[in-house]
C-alpha cells in the first residue's frame, strides 16, 4: 500500500505519527484510520504498558512518572528497533512534554496529532466504551497531567467532535497544512 495521500505525504520519511491526548479522545480509533489512510502500520501504545500499570489504572489509580518510565522505555525501544525508513502511526497519551521529548529522542522527526475536546464529550465516550481498562474516574487526573503541545513541537491539534471519520479527515487536513507536508516543520497547528 502507498504511503501517500492527496494531502499528506510520508513517503520515505520513516516518520512516526503519534496520536496523543487524554483517555477517551479516540486515539486508537483515529490512529487506525490515519494508519489506513496513510498506508502505515498502526501500533497501540497501551500494548507497551507493563501488567502492573494496567492493574493500577484498572483499579482507578493514576500513573505517575515512575510508573510511566518502563512504558516509555518499551515504546522507545520499539521506535529504535523498527526497520530504517519505516514509518508508523502510534497511539500514545504522551501527556507531558517530557514524555514527548523522550519519544522524539527515538524519532526526532515525529509528528504529534493531539486529539482534544470538551471534557463532557470525552467523559460520555469513556462511559460508553466497553472492554477498556481505563475507567472514566481517571479522566480528571489525565487532564491534570496534560501539557498541550508547545509552539516548538511539530504537530497539530484536532478537535474530537464528530465521527471518527470526520476527526480523521480534520487530522489529515491539518497534517497537510504543515510546512513541508510530511517533512520536518514546527509549531502545532489547530484544526
N, C-alpha and C. Protein backbone atom coordinates (compact mmCIF):
# COMPACT_ATOMS: atom_id res chain seq x y z
N UNK A 1 0.84 -1.18 0.00
CA UNK A 1 0.00 0.00 0.00
C UNK A 1 0.88 1.24 0.00
N UNK A 2 0.50 2.27 -0.71
CA UNK A 2 1.26 3.51 -0.80
C UNK A 2 1.22 4.28 0.52
N UNK A 3 2.27 5.04 0.79
CA UNK A 3 2.26 5.90 1.97
C UNK A 3 1.97 7.35 1.57
N UNK A 4 1.24 7.53 0.50
CA UNK A 4 0.95 8.88 0.02
C UNK A 4 -0.55 9.04 -0.18
N UNK A 5 -1.08 10.13 0.34
CA UNK A 5 -2.44 10.51 0.03
C UNK A 5 -2.35 11.81 -0.74
N UNK A 6 -3.49 12.27 -1.22
CA UNK A 6 -3.50 13.53 -1.96
C UNK A 6 -3.11 14.69 -1.04
N UNK A 7 -3.20 14.49 0.27
CA UNK A 7 -3.00 15.60 1.17
C UNK A 7 -1.76 15.53 2.04
N UNK A 8 -1.29 14.35 2.35
CA UNK A 8 -0.17 14.25 3.29
C UNK A 8 0.75 13.14 2.84
N UNK A 9 2.00 13.49 2.60
CA UNK A 9 2.97 12.55 2.06
C UNK A 9 4.01 12.21 3.12
N UNK A 10 4.09 10.94 3.47
CA UNK A 10 5.12 10.49 4.41
C UNK A 10 6.08 9.53 3.73
N UNK A 11 6.03 9.48 2.42
CA UNK A 11 6.90 8.57 1.66
C UNK A 11 8.36 8.77 2.00
N UNK A 12 9.02 7.69 2.34
CA UNK A 12 10.45 7.72 2.55
C UNK A 12 10.93 8.49 3.77
N UNK A 13 10.03 8.98 4.60
CA UNK A 13 10.46 9.76 5.76
C UNK A 13 10.75 8.88 6.96
N UNK A 14 10.12 7.72 7.04
CA UNK A 14 10.25 6.89 8.23
C UNK A 14 9.63 7.56 9.43
N UNK A 15 8.78 8.51 9.18
CA UNK A 15 8.19 9.34 10.23
C UNK A 15 7.21 8.56 11.08
N UNK A 16 7.25 8.82 12.38
CA UNK A 16 6.29 8.26 13.32
C UNK A 16 5.28 9.36 13.63
N UNK A 17 4.00 9.06 13.40
CA UNK A 17 2.92 9.96 13.79
C UNK A 17 2.41 9.46 15.13
N UNK A 18 2.43 10.31 16.14
CA UNK A 18 1.97 9.94 17.47
C UNK A 18 0.62 10.59 17.71
N UNK A 19 -0.42 9.76 17.80
CA UNK A 19 -1.76 10.25 18.10
C UNK A 19 -1.87 10.30 19.61
N UNK A 20 -1.98 11.51 20.15
CA UNK A 20 -1.88 11.72 21.59
C UNK A 20 -3.14 12.39 22.14
N UNK A 21 -3.27 12.35 23.46
CA UNK A 21 -4.37 13.02 24.14
C UNK A 21 -4.79 12.22 25.36
N UNK A 22 -5.72 12.80 26.10
CA UNK A 22 -6.22 12.12 27.29
C UNK A 22 -7.02 10.89 26.88
N UNK A 23 -7.28 10.03 27.85
CA UNK A 23 -8.09 8.83 27.60
C UNK A 23 -9.45 9.26 27.07
N UNK A 24 -9.99 8.48 26.15
CA UNK A 24 -11.33 8.71 25.65
C UNK A 24 -11.44 9.65 24.47
N UNK A 25 -10.30 10.16 23.98
CA UNK A 25 -10.35 11.07 22.83
C UNK A 25 -10.42 10.33 21.50
N UNK A 26 -10.20 9.03 21.52
CA UNK A 26 -10.28 8.25 20.28
C UNK A 26 -8.93 7.97 19.65
N UNK A 27 -7.89 7.93 20.45
CA UNK A 27 -6.54 7.71 19.90
C UNK A 27 -6.46 6.41 19.10
N UNK A 28 -7.01 5.34 19.64
CA UNK A 28 -6.94 4.05 18.95
C UNK A 28 -7.74 4.08 17.66
N UNK A 29 -8.97 4.53 17.72
CA UNK A 29 -9.83 4.54 16.53
C UNK A 29 -9.28 5.46 15.46
N UNK A 30 -8.95 6.69 15.83
CA UNK A 30 -8.43 7.65 14.85
C UNK A 30 -7.04 7.21 14.39
N UNK A 31 -6.23 6.68 15.29
CA UNK A 31 -4.92 6.19 14.90
C UNK A 31 -5.00 5.12 13.83
N UNK A 32 -5.91 4.18 14.01
CA UNK A 32 -6.08 3.12 13.00
C UNK A 32 -6.55 3.69 11.67
N UNK A 33 -7.48 4.65 11.72
CA UNK A 33 -7.97 5.27 10.49
C UNK A 33 -6.87 6.06 9.80
N UNK A 34 -6.07 6.78 10.56
CA UNK A 34 -4.93 7.51 9.96
C UNK A 34 -3.94 6.53 9.33
N UNK A 35 -3.63 5.45 10.04
CA UNK A 35 -2.71 4.46 9.51
C UNK A 35 -3.22 3.88 8.19
N UNK A 36 -4.51 3.57 8.16
CA UNK A 36 -5.10 3.05 6.92
C UNK A 36 -5.01 4.07 5.79
N UNK A 37 -5.34 5.32 6.10
CA UNK A 37 -5.33 6.37 5.08
C UNK A 37 -3.93 6.62 4.54
N UNK A 38 -2.93 6.46 5.40
CA UNK A 38 -1.55 6.75 5.01
C UNK A 38 -0.76 5.52 4.59
N UNK A 39 -1.38 4.34 4.70
CA UNK A 39 -0.69 3.12 4.33
C UNK A 39 0.47 2.78 5.25
N UNK A 40 0.29 3.10 6.54
CA UNK A 40 1.33 2.85 7.53
C UNK A 40 0.85 1.82 8.54
N UNK A 41 1.77 1.11 9.18
CA UNK A 41 1.36 0.21 10.25
C UNK A 41 0.87 1.01 11.45
N UNK A 42 -0.09 0.43 12.19
CA UNK A 42 -0.61 1.04 13.40
C UNK A 42 -0.03 0.30 14.60
N UNK A 43 0.35 1.06 15.63
CA UNK A 43 0.91 0.48 16.85
C UNK A 43 0.14 1.05 18.04
N UNK A 44 -0.37 0.16 18.89
CA UNK A 44 -1.13 0.56 20.07
C UNK A 44 -0.20 0.76 21.25
N UNK A 45 -0.08 1.99 21.71
CA UNK A 45 0.80 2.31 22.81
C UNK A 45 0.45 1.60 24.10
N UNK A 46 -0.84 1.34 24.33
CA UNK A 46 -1.24 0.64 25.55
C UNK A 46 -0.62 -0.75 25.64
N UNK A 47 -0.28 -1.35 24.50
CA UNK A 47 0.30 -2.69 24.49
C UNK A 47 1.69 -2.70 25.13
N UNK A 48 2.31 -1.53 25.29
CA UNK A 48 3.64 -1.45 25.87
C UNK A 48 3.62 -1.28 27.38
N UNK A 49 2.43 -1.10 27.96
CA UNK A 49 2.33 -0.94 29.42
C UNK A 49 2.64 -2.27 30.11
N UNK A 50 3.44 -2.24 31.17
CA UNK A 50 3.62 -3.45 31.97
C UNK A 50 2.30 -3.80 32.66
N UNK A 51 2.15 -5.06 33.02
CA UNK A 51 0.91 -5.53 33.66
C UNK A 51 0.59 -4.73 34.93
N UNK A 52 1.61 -4.31 35.65
CA UNK A 52 1.38 -3.54 36.88
C UNK A 52 0.69 -2.21 36.58
N UNK A 53 1.04 -1.58 35.46
CA UNK A 53 0.39 -0.33 35.09
C UNK A 53 -1.09 -0.55 34.75
N UNK A 54 -1.36 -1.60 34.00
CA UNK A 54 -2.75 -1.91 33.63
C UNK A 54 -3.56 -2.17 34.89
N UNK A 55 -3.01 -2.94 35.81
CA UNK A 55 -3.70 -3.25 37.06
C UNK A 55 -3.97 -1.97 37.86
N UNK A 56 -2.99 -1.10 37.92
CA UNK A 56 -3.13 0.14 38.67
C UNK A 56 -4.23 1.01 38.07
N UNK A 57 -4.19 1.20 36.74
CA UNK A 57 -5.23 2.02 36.09
C UNK A 57 -6.60 1.38 36.22
N UNK A 58 -6.67 0.06 36.06
CA UNK A 58 -7.95 -0.65 36.19
C UNK A 58 -8.55 -0.44 37.57
N UNK A 59 -7.71 -0.28 38.57
CA UNK A 59 -8.16 -0.05 39.94
C UNK A 59 -8.49 1.42 40.20
N UNK A 60 -8.35 2.26 39.16
CA UNK A 60 -8.68 3.68 39.31
C UNK A 60 -7.56 4.50 39.92
N UNK A 61 -6.33 3.99 39.87
CA UNK A 61 -5.19 4.69 40.43
C UNK A 61 -4.38 5.29 39.27
N UNK A 62 -4.20 6.62 39.28
CA UNK A 62 -3.45 7.24 38.19
C UNK A 62 -1.97 6.84 38.21
N UNK A 63 -1.37 6.79 37.04
CA UNK A 63 0.06 6.52 36.93
C UNK A 63 0.85 7.78 37.23
N UNK A 64 2.05 7.59 37.77
CA UNK A 64 2.96 8.72 37.96
C UNK A 64 4.15 8.54 37.00
N UNK A 65 5.08 9.46 37.05
CA UNK A 65 6.22 9.40 36.14
C UNK A 65 7.01 8.10 36.29
N UNK A 66 7.16 7.62 37.51
CA UNK A 66 7.90 6.37 37.73
C UNK A 66 7.18 5.19 37.08
N UNK A 67 5.84 5.19 37.16
CA UNK A 67 5.06 4.13 36.51
C UNK A 67 5.21 4.18 35.00
N UNK A 68 5.27 5.38 34.47
CA UNK A 68 5.32 5.54 33.01
C UNK A 68 6.70 5.25 32.43
N UNK A 69 7.73 5.27 33.26
CA UNK A 69 9.10 5.07 32.76
C UNK A 69 9.27 3.76 31.99
N UNK A 70 8.86 2.58 32.52
CA UNK A 70 9.05 1.35 31.74
C UNK A 70 8.20 1.32 30.47
N UNK A 71 7.06 1.98 30.51
CA UNK A 71 6.20 2.09 29.31
C UNK A 71 6.91 2.90 28.24
N UNK A 72 7.46 4.05 28.63
CA UNK A 72 8.19 4.87 27.67
C UNK A 72 9.45 4.16 27.19
N UNK A 73 10.12 3.41 28.07
CA UNK A 73 11.29 2.63 27.68
C UNK A 73 10.92 1.64 26.58
N UNK A 74 9.78 0.97 26.75
CA UNK A 74 9.35 -0.04 25.76
C UNK A 74 8.99 0.61 24.43
N UNK A 75 8.30 1.75 24.47
CA UNK A 75 7.96 2.44 23.22
C UNK A 75 9.24 2.94 22.54
N UNK A 76 10.13 3.52 23.32
CA UNK A 76 11.41 4.00 22.81
C UNK A 76 12.16 2.85 22.11
N UNK A 77 12.21 1.70 22.75
CA UNK A 77 12.90 0.54 22.16
C UNK A 77 12.24 0.12 20.85
N UNK A 78 10.90 0.10 20.82
CA UNK A 78 10.20 -0.27 19.60
C UNK A 78 10.53 0.70 18.48
N UNK A 79 10.51 2.00 18.78
CA UNK A 79 10.80 3.00 17.74
C UNK A 79 12.22 2.79 17.20
N UNK A 80 13.17 2.60 18.08
CA UNK A 80 14.57 2.45 17.66
C UNK A 80 14.82 1.14 16.91
N UNK A 81 14.05 0.10 17.21
CA UNK A 81 14.27 -1.21 16.59
C UNK A 81 13.52 -1.40 15.28
N UNK A 82 12.61 -0.51 14.94
CA UNK A 82 11.88 -0.69 13.68
C UNK A 82 12.83 -0.49 12.51
N UNK A 83 12.55 -1.13 11.39
CA UNK A 83 13.46 -1.00 10.24
C UNK A 83 13.62 0.46 9.80
N UNK A 84 14.82 0.82 9.41
CA UNK A 84 15.11 2.19 8.95
C UNK A 84 14.17 2.57 7.81
N UNK A 85 13.70 3.79 7.85
CA UNK A 85 12.82 4.29 6.80
C UNK A 85 11.38 3.82 6.91
N UNK A 86 11.05 3.13 8.00
CA UNK A 86 9.69 2.62 8.19
C UNK A 86 8.92 3.55 9.09
N UNK A 87 7.87 4.14 8.56
CA UNK A 87 7.01 4.99 9.35
C UNK A 87 5.97 4.17 10.08
N UNK A 88 5.20 4.83 10.93
CA UNK A 88 4.13 4.16 11.68
C UNK A 88 3.23 5.22 12.30
N UNK A 89 2.06 4.78 12.69
CA UNK A 89 1.15 5.59 13.49
C UNK A 89 1.08 4.92 14.85
N UNK A 90 1.42 5.68 15.89
CA UNK A 90 1.46 5.19 17.26
C UNK A 90 0.44 5.93 18.10
N UNK A 91 -0.45 5.20 18.77
CA UNK A 91 -1.37 5.81 19.72
C UNK A 91 -0.70 5.80 21.09
N UNK A 92 -0.55 6.98 21.68
CA UNK A 92 0.11 7.10 22.98
C UNK A 92 -0.38 8.38 23.62
N UNK A 93 -0.75 8.33 24.89
CA UNK A 93 -1.25 9.53 25.54
C UNK A 93 -0.26 10.68 25.45
N UNK A 94 1.03 10.42 25.64
CA UNK A 94 2.08 11.44 25.53
C UNK A 94 1.66 12.74 26.21
N UNK A 95 1.14 12.61 27.43
CA UNK A 95 0.51 13.75 28.10
C UNK A 95 1.47 14.87 28.47
N UNK A 96 2.71 14.54 28.80
CA UNK A 96 3.66 15.56 29.22
C UNK A 96 4.70 15.83 28.15
N UNK A 97 5.19 17.06 28.16
CA UNK A 97 6.26 17.44 27.24
C UNK A 97 7.45 16.50 27.40
N UNK A 98 7.79 16.15 28.63
CA UNK A 98 8.94 15.26 28.86
C UNK A 98 8.74 13.91 28.19
N UNK A 99 7.51 13.40 28.16
CA UNK A 99 7.23 12.12 27.50
C UNK A 99 7.41 12.27 25.99
N UNK A 100 6.92 13.38 25.45
CA UNK A 100 7.05 13.62 24.01
C UNK A 100 8.52 13.82 23.64
N UNK A 101 9.27 14.53 24.51
CA UNK A 101 10.70 14.69 24.26
C UNK A 101 11.40 13.33 24.23
N UNK A 102 10.98 12.45 25.11
CA UNK A 102 11.54 11.10 25.14
C UNK A 102 11.26 10.37 23.83
N UNK A 103 10.02 10.48 23.32
CA UNK A 103 9.69 9.84 22.05
C UNK A 103 10.46 10.47 20.90
N UNK A 104 10.62 11.80 20.96
CA UNK A 104 11.40 12.49 19.92
C UNK A 104 12.88 12.09 19.97
N UNK A 105 13.36 11.69 21.13
CA UNK A 105 14.73 11.21 21.23
C UNK A 105 14.95 9.98 20.37
N UNK A 106 13.92 9.15 20.25
CA UNK A 106 13.99 7.94 19.42
C UNK A 106 13.58 8.23 17.98
N UNK A 107 12.69 9.20 17.78
CA UNK A 107 12.19 9.54 16.45
C UNK A 107 12.19 11.07 16.33
N UNK A 108 13.33 11.66 15.99
CA UNK A 108 13.46 13.12 16.00
C UNK A 108 12.46 13.87 15.12
N UNK A 109 11.98 13.23 14.06
CA UNK A 109 11.02 13.92 13.19
C UNK A 109 9.58 13.49 13.45
N UNK A 110 9.32 12.94 14.65
CA UNK A 110 7.95 12.54 15.00
C UNK A 110 7.01 13.74 14.89
N UNK A 111 5.79 13.44 14.47
CA UNK A 111 4.73 14.45 14.39
C UNK A 111 3.64 14.02 15.37
N UNK A 112 3.17 14.96 16.17
CA UNK A 112 2.14 14.67 17.16
C UNK A 112 0.79 15.17 16.67
N UNK A 113 -0.21 14.30 16.76
CA UNK A 113 -1.60 14.63 16.43
C UNK A 113 -2.33 14.64 17.77
N UNK A 114 -2.52 15.83 18.33
CA UNK A 114 -3.13 15.97 19.66
C UNK A 114 -4.64 16.03 19.51
N UNK A 115 -5.30 14.96 19.93
CA UNK A 115 -6.77 14.91 19.92
C UNK A 115 -7.27 15.57 21.20
N UNK A 116 -8.15 16.53 21.04
CA UNK A 116 -8.63 17.29 22.19
C UNK A 116 -10.11 17.62 22.01
N UNK A 117 -10.77 17.86 23.12
CA UNK A 117 -12.19 18.21 23.05
C UNK A 117 -12.74 18.55 24.42
N UNK A 118 -14.02 18.81 24.44
CA UNK A 118 -14.68 19.16 25.69
C UNK A 118 -14.69 17.96 26.64
N UNK A 119 -14.43 18.25 27.90
CA UNK A 119 -14.37 17.19 28.91
C UNK A 119 -15.65 16.37 28.94
N UNK A 120 -16.82 17.03 28.87
CA UNK A 120 -18.11 16.32 28.95
C UNK A 120 -18.25 15.31 27.81
N UNK A 121 -17.84 15.68 26.60
CA UNK A 121 -17.90 14.78 25.44
C UNK A 121 -16.98 13.59 25.66
N UNK A 122 -15.78 13.84 26.11
CA UNK A 122 -14.81 12.76 26.33
C UNK A 122 -15.29 11.82 27.42
N UNK A 123 -15.85 12.39 28.49
CA UNK A 123 -16.37 11.56 29.58
C UNK A 123 -17.52 10.68 29.10
N UNK A 124 -18.41 11.22 28.27
CA UNK A 124 -19.51 10.41 27.71
C UNK A 124 -18.96 9.26 26.88
N UNK A 125 -17.96 9.53 26.08
CA UNK A 125 -17.37 8.48 25.25
C UNK A 125 -16.71 7.41 26.10
N UNK A 126 -16.02 7.83 27.16
CA UNK A 126 -15.38 6.85 28.05
C UNK A 126 -16.44 5.98 28.73
N UNK A 127 -17.54 6.60 29.17
CA UNK A 127 -18.60 5.85 29.86
C UNK A 127 -19.26 4.84 28.93
N UNK A 128 -19.30 5.15 27.63
CA UNK A 128 -19.98 4.29 26.67
C UNK A 128 -19.12 3.13 26.16
N UNK A 129 -17.80 3.24 26.31
CA UNK A 129 -16.95 2.18 25.75
C UNK A 129 -16.89 0.99 26.70
N UNK A 130 -16.66 -0.16 26.11
CA UNK A 130 -16.57 -1.39 26.88
C UNK A 130 -15.22 -2.06 26.60
N UNK A 131 -14.78 -2.86 27.57
CA UNK A 131 -13.58 -3.65 27.36
C UNK A 131 -12.27 -2.90 27.48
N UNK A 132 -12.29 -1.69 28.01
CA UNK A 132 -11.04 -0.94 28.17
C UNK A 132 -10.73 -0.83 29.66
N UNK A 133 -9.45 -0.93 30.00
CA UNK A 133 -9.04 -0.94 31.41
C UNK A 133 -9.13 0.44 32.07
N UNK A 134 -9.15 1.51 31.28
CA UNK A 134 -9.09 2.86 31.86
C UNK A 134 -10.49 3.34 32.24
N UNK A 135 -10.75 3.49 33.56
CA UNK A 135 -12.08 3.97 33.97
C UNK A 135 -12.22 5.49 33.80
N UNK A 136 -13.45 5.92 33.60
CA UNK A 136 -13.72 7.36 33.46
C UNK A 136 -13.30 8.14 34.69
N UNK A 137 -13.19 7.47 35.83
CA UNK A 137 -12.78 8.13 37.07
C UNK A 137 -11.37 8.71 36.97
N UNK A 138 -10.55 8.24 36.04
CA UNK A 138 -9.19 8.75 35.89
C UNK A 138 -9.10 9.93 34.93
N UNK A 139 -10.21 10.35 34.36
CA UNK A 139 -10.17 11.44 33.39
C UNK A 139 -9.64 12.73 33.99
N UNK A 140 -10.05 13.06 35.22
CA UNK A 140 -9.55 14.28 35.85
C UNK A 140 -8.03 14.26 35.98
N UNK A 141 -7.47 13.11 36.36
CA UNK A 141 -6.01 13.03 36.52
C UNK A 141 -5.32 13.17 35.16
N UNK A 142 -5.96 12.66 34.11
CA UNK A 142 -5.40 12.80 32.77
C UNK A 142 -5.34 14.28 32.36
N UNK A 143 -6.44 14.99 32.58
CA UNK A 143 -6.45 16.42 32.25
C UNK A 143 -5.46 17.20 33.12
N UNK A 144 -5.32 16.81 34.38
CA UNK A 144 -4.38 17.50 35.28
C UNK A 144 -2.93 17.28 34.83
N UNK A 145 -2.65 16.12 34.27
CA UNK A 145 -1.29 15.79 33.82
C UNK A 145 -0.98 16.39 32.45
N UNK A 146 -2.00 16.59 31.62
CA UNK A 146 -1.81 17.03 30.23
C UNK A 146 -1.07 18.36 30.13
N UNK A 147 -0.02 18.34 29.32
CA UNK A 147 0.69 19.55 28.91
C UNK A 147 0.51 19.65 27.40
N UNK A 148 -0.33 20.59 26.94
CA UNK A 148 -0.58 20.69 25.49
C UNK A 148 0.70 20.89 24.69
N UNK A 149 0.62 20.60 23.40
CA UNK A 149 1.76 20.82 22.52
C UNK A 149 2.24 22.26 22.65
N UNK A 150 3.54 22.43 22.62
CA UNK A 150 4.17 23.76 22.67
C UNK A 150 4.44 24.25 21.25
N UNK A 151 4.69 25.53 21.12
CA UNK A 151 4.94 26.11 19.79
C UNK A 151 6.13 25.48 19.07
N UNK A 152 7.10 24.98 19.81
CA UNK A 152 8.29 24.40 19.18
C UNK A 152 8.16 22.90 18.92
N UNK A 153 6.97 22.33 19.15
CA UNK A 153 6.75 20.90 18.91
C UNK A 153 6.02 20.73 17.58
N UNK A 154 6.54 19.83 16.76
CA UNK A 154 5.94 19.56 15.46
C UNK A 154 4.64 18.77 15.67
N UNK A 155 3.53 19.36 15.29
CA UNK A 155 2.27 18.67 15.47
C UNK A 155 1.07 19.52 15.14
N UNK A 156 -0.08 18.88 15.29
CA UNK A 156 -1.36 19.54 15.03
C UNK A 156 -2.30 19.22 16.17
N UNK A 157 -3.25 20.10 16.40
CA UNK A 157 -4.27 19.91 17.42
C UNK A 157 -5.59 19.72 16.69
N UNK A 158 -6.30 18.62 17.02
CA UNK A 158 -7.51 18.26 16.29
C UNK A 158 -8.66 18.06 17.27
N UNK A 159 -9.76 18.75 17.03
CA UNK A 159 -10.96 18.62 17.86
C UNK A 159 -11.61 17.26 17.61
N UNK A 160 -12.12 16.63 18.69
CA UNK A 160 -12.68 15.28 18.58
C UNK A 160 -14.20 15.26 18.47
N UNK A 161 -14.82 16.38 18.20
CA UNK A 161 -16.26 16.34 17.98
C UNK A 161 -16.52 15.71 16.61
N UNK A 162 -17.65 15.03 16.49
CA UNK A 162 -17.99 14.38 15.23
C UNK A 162 -17.60 12.91 15.21
N UNK A 163 -17.77 12.32 14.05
CA UNK A 163 -17.49 10.89 13.90
C UNK A 163 -15.98 10.65 13.79
N UNK A 164 -15.55 9.41 14.02
CA UNK A 164 -14.11 9.11 13.85
C UNK A 164 -13.61 9.47 12.45
N UNK A 165 -14.45 9.27 11.45
CA UNK A 165 -14.05 9.59 10.07
C UNK A 165 -13.86 11.10 9.90
N UNK A 166 -14.75 11.89 10.51
CA UNK A 166 -14.63 13.35 10.43
C UNK A 166 -13.38 13.83 11.16
N UNK A 167 -13.11 13.24 12.31
CA UNK A 167 -11.91 13.60 13.07
C UNK A 167 -10.67 13.27 12.26
N UNK A 168 -10.66 12.10 11.63
CA UNK A 168 -9.52 11.67 10.81
C UNK A 168 -9.33 12.62 9.64
N UNK A 169 -10.41 13.01 9.00
CA UNK A 169 -10.31 13.97 7.88
C UNK A 169 -9.72 15.29 8.34
N UNK A 170 -10.15 15.77 9.52
CA UNK A 170 -9.58 17.01 10.05
C UNK A 170 -8.09 16.84 10.34
N UNK A 171 -7.72 15.67 10.88
CA UNK A 171 -6.31 15.42 11.16
C UNK A 171 -5.49 15.41 9.88
N UNK A 172 -5.97 14.74 8.86
CA UNK A 172 -5.25 14.70 7.58
C UNK A 172 -5.12 16.09 6.98
N UNK A 173 -6.19 16.87 7.05
CA UNK A 173 -6.15 18.24 6.52
C UNK A 173 -5.14 19.08 7.30
N UNK A 174 -5.13 18.95 8.62
CA UNK A 174 -4.18 19.71 9.44
C UNK A 174 -2.75 19.28 9.15
N UNK A 175 -2.53 17.99 9.01
CA UNK A 175 -1.19 17.49 8.70
C UNK A 175 -0.72 18.02 7.35
N UNK A 176 -1.62 18.05 6.38
CA UNK A 176 -1.24 18.51 5.05
C UNK A 176 -0.91 20.00 5.04
N UNK A 177 -1.42 20.75 6.01
CA UNK A 177 -1.15 22.18 6.10
C UNK A 177 0.17 22.49 6.78
N UNK A 178 0.81 21.48 7.38
CA UNK A 178 2.12 21.72 7.99
C UNK A 178 3.11 22.11 6.90
N UNK A 179 4.00 23.03 7.19
CA UNK A 179 5.03 23.36 6.19
C UNK A 179 5.79 22.10 5.80
N UNK A 180 5.93 21.86 4.52
CA UNK A 180 6.62 20.67 4.04
C UNK A 180 5.74 19.45 3.96
N UNK A 181 4.49 19.53 4.39
CA UNK A 181 3.52 18.43 4.35
C UNK A 181 4.15 17.05 4.33
N UNK A 182 4.55 16.61 5.50
CA UNK A 182 5.17 15.31 5.64
C UNK A 182 6.65 15.40 5.91
N UNK A 183 7.18 16.59 5.80
CA UNK A 183 8.60 16.82 6.07
C UNK A 183 8.72 17.65 7.36
N UNK A 184 9.88 17.70 7.98
CA UNK A 184 10.01 18.44 9.24
C UNK A 184 9.55 19.89 9.15
N UNK A 185 8.90 20.34 10.21
CA UNK A 185 8.38 21.70 10.32
C UNK A 185 8.34 22.07 11.80
N UNK A 186 7.59 23.10 12.15
CA UNK A 186 7.49 23.46 13.56
C UNK A 186 6.13 24.07 13.86
N UNK A 187 5.84 24.21 15.13
CA UNK A 187 4.65 24.85 15.68
C UNK A 187 3.38 24.06 15.42
N UNK A 188 2.67 23.68 16.51
CA UNK A 188 1.42 22.96 16.35
C UNK A 188 0.38 23.81 15.64
N UNK A 189 -0.42 23.18 14.82
CA UNK A 189 -1.49 23.84 14.08
C UNK A 189 -2.80 23.31 14.60
N UNK A 190 -3.75 24.20 14.83
CA UNK A 190 -5.03 23.80 15.40
C UNK A 190 -6.09 23.68 14.32
N UNK A 191 -6.86 22.59 14.38
CA UNK A 191 -7.97 22.35 13.44
C UNK A 191 -9.21 22.05 14.20
